[in-house]
Amino acid sequence: MAVPKRKKSKAKTAMRRAQWLRKVTMTGLSLCPECNQPKAPHRVCPHCGYYKNKEVIEVI
């Protein structure tokens, strides 16, 4: 089994952890052209129900 020869520094550990946290916390949100609310790309807007400038679902 492989064993590290030296202890990883706190800076190297933080650098590695930062990339993972960035992937988890950052989401690719876009703005809905109808209501300007954040929504997931290529999905129906949960606030107004529009997708590609057409009303797909009726939101109460």
C-alpha atoms as a PDB file:
ATOM      1  CA  MET A   1       0.000   0.000   0.000  1.00  0.00           C
ATOM      2  CA  ALA A   2       1.273   3.496  -0.821  1.00  0.00           C
ATOM      3  CA  VAL A   3       2.231   5.650   2.140  1.00  0.00           C
ATOM      4  CA  PRO A   4       3.090   9.379   1.873  1.00  0.00           C
ATOM      5  CA  LYS A   5       6.696  10.236   2.709  1.00  0.00           C
ATOM      6  CA  ARG A   6       5.897  13.714   4.010  1.00  0.00           C
ATOM      7  CA  LYS A   7       2.964  15.322   5.773  1.00  0.00           C
ATOM      8  CA  LYS A   8       0.809  17.532   3.533  1.00  0.00           C
ATOM      9  CA  SER A   9       0.891  21.164   4.574  1.00  0.00           C
ATOM     10  CA  LYS A  10      -2.260  22.984   5.677  1.00  0.00           C
ATOM     11  CA  ALA A  11      -2.056  25.150   2.557  1.00  0.00           C
ATOM     12  CA  LYS A  12      -2.039  22.139   0.217  1.00  0.00           C
ATOM     13  CA  THR A  13      -4.942  20.572   2.102  1.00  0.00           C
ATOM     14  CA  ALA A  14      -6.904  23.831   1.882  1.00  0.00           C
ATOM     15  CA  MET A  15      -6.196  24.120  -1.868  1.00  0.00           C
ATOM     16  CA  ARG A  16      -7.513  20.617  -2.496  1.00  0.00           C
ATOM     17  CA  ARG A  17     -10.574  21.171  -0.320  1.00  0.00           C
ATOM     18  CA  ALA A  18     -11.351  24.529  -1.988  1.00  0.00           C
ATOM     19  CA  GLN A  19     -11.833  22.892  -5.396  1.00  0.00           C
ATOM     20  CA  TRP A  20     -14.288  20.374  -3.971  1.00  0.00           C
ATOM     21  CA  LEU A  21     -16.222  23.058  -2.101  1.00  0.00           C
ATOM     22  CA  ARG A  22     -16.366  25.183  -5.252  1.00  0.00           C
ATOM     23  CA  LYS A  23     -17.978  22.340  -7.189  1.00  0.00           C
ATOM     24  CA  VAL A  24     -20.506  21.703  -4.426  1.00  0.00           C
ATOM     25  CA  THR A  25     -21.526  25.299  -3.749  1.00  0.00           C
ATOM     26  CA  MET A  26     -21.448  26.825  -7.231  1.00  0.00           C
ATOM     27  CA  THR A  27     -24.439  26.059  -9.380  1.00  0.00           C
ATOM     28  CA  GLY A  28     -24.890  27.179 -12.942  1.00  0.00           C
ATOM     29  CA  LEU A  29     -27.985  29.305 -12.564  1.00  0.00           C
ATOM     30  CA  SER A  30     -29.336  31.526 -15.292  1.00  0.00           C
ATOM     31  CA  LEU A  31     -32.020  34.205 -15.256  1.00  0.00           C
ATOM     32  CA  CYS A  32     -35.471  33.541 -16.610  1.00  0.00           C
ATOM     33  CA  PRO A  33     -36.205  35.911 -19.529  1.00  0.00           C
ATOM     34  CA  GLU A  34     -39.858  36.264 -18.441  1.00  0.00           C
ATOM     35  CA  CYS A  35     -39.627  36.959 -14.688  1.00  0.00           C
ATOM     36  CA  ASN A  36     -35.841  37.513 -14.196  1.00  0.00           C
ATOM     37  CA  GLN A  37     -35.714  34.979 -11.355  1.00  0.00           C
ATOM     38  CA  PRO A  38     -32.783  32.535 -11.091  1.00  0.00           C
ATOM     39  CA  LYS A  39     -33.469  29.094 -12.564  1.00  0.00           C
ATOM     40  CA  ALA A  40     -31.523  26.044 -13.696  1.00  0.00           C
ATOM     41  CA  PRO A  41     -30.554  26.188 -17.379  1.00  0.00           C
ATOM     42  CA  HIS A  42     -32.628  24.110 -19.824  1.00  0.00           C
ATOM     43  CA  ARG A  43     -35.397  23.700 -17.249  1.00  0.00           C
ATOM     44  CA  VAL A  44     -38.873  25.155 -16.806  1.00  0.00           C
ATOM     45  CA  CYS A  45     -38.856  28.219 -14.547  1.00  0.00           C
ATOM     46  CA  PRO A  46     -40.435  27.249 -11.203  1.00  0.00           C
ATOM     47  CA  HIS A  47     -41.638  30.834 -10.622  1.00  0.00           C
ATOM     48  CA  CYS A  48     -43.544  31.570 -13.826  1.00  0.00           C
ATOM     49  CA  GLY A  49     -43.734  28.195 -15.648  1.00  0.00           C
ATOM     50  CA  TYR A  50     -42.139  29.397 -18.897  1.00  0.00           C
ATOM     51  CA  TYR A  51     -39.590  27.556 -21.037  1.00  0.00           C
ATOM     52  CA  LYS A  52     -38.209  29.011 -24.286  1.00  0.00           C
ATOM     53  CA  ASN A  53     -40.707  31.916 -24.180  1.00  0.00           C
ATOM     54  CA  LYS A  54     -43.699  29.556 -23.992  1.00  0.00           C
ATOM     55  CA  GLU A  55     -45.849  28.807 -20.967  1.00  0.00           C
ATOM     56  CA  VAL A  56     -45.370  25.105 -20.292  1.00  0.00           C
ATOM     57  CA  ILE A  57     -46.940  24.717 -16.857  1.00  0.00           C
ATOM     58  CA  GLU A  58     -49.444  26.817 -14.999  1.00  0.00           C
ATOM     59  CA  VAL A  59     -48.015  28.083 -11.712  1.00  0.00           C
ATOM     60  CA  ILE A  60     -50.482  28.869  -8.942  1.00  0.00           C
END
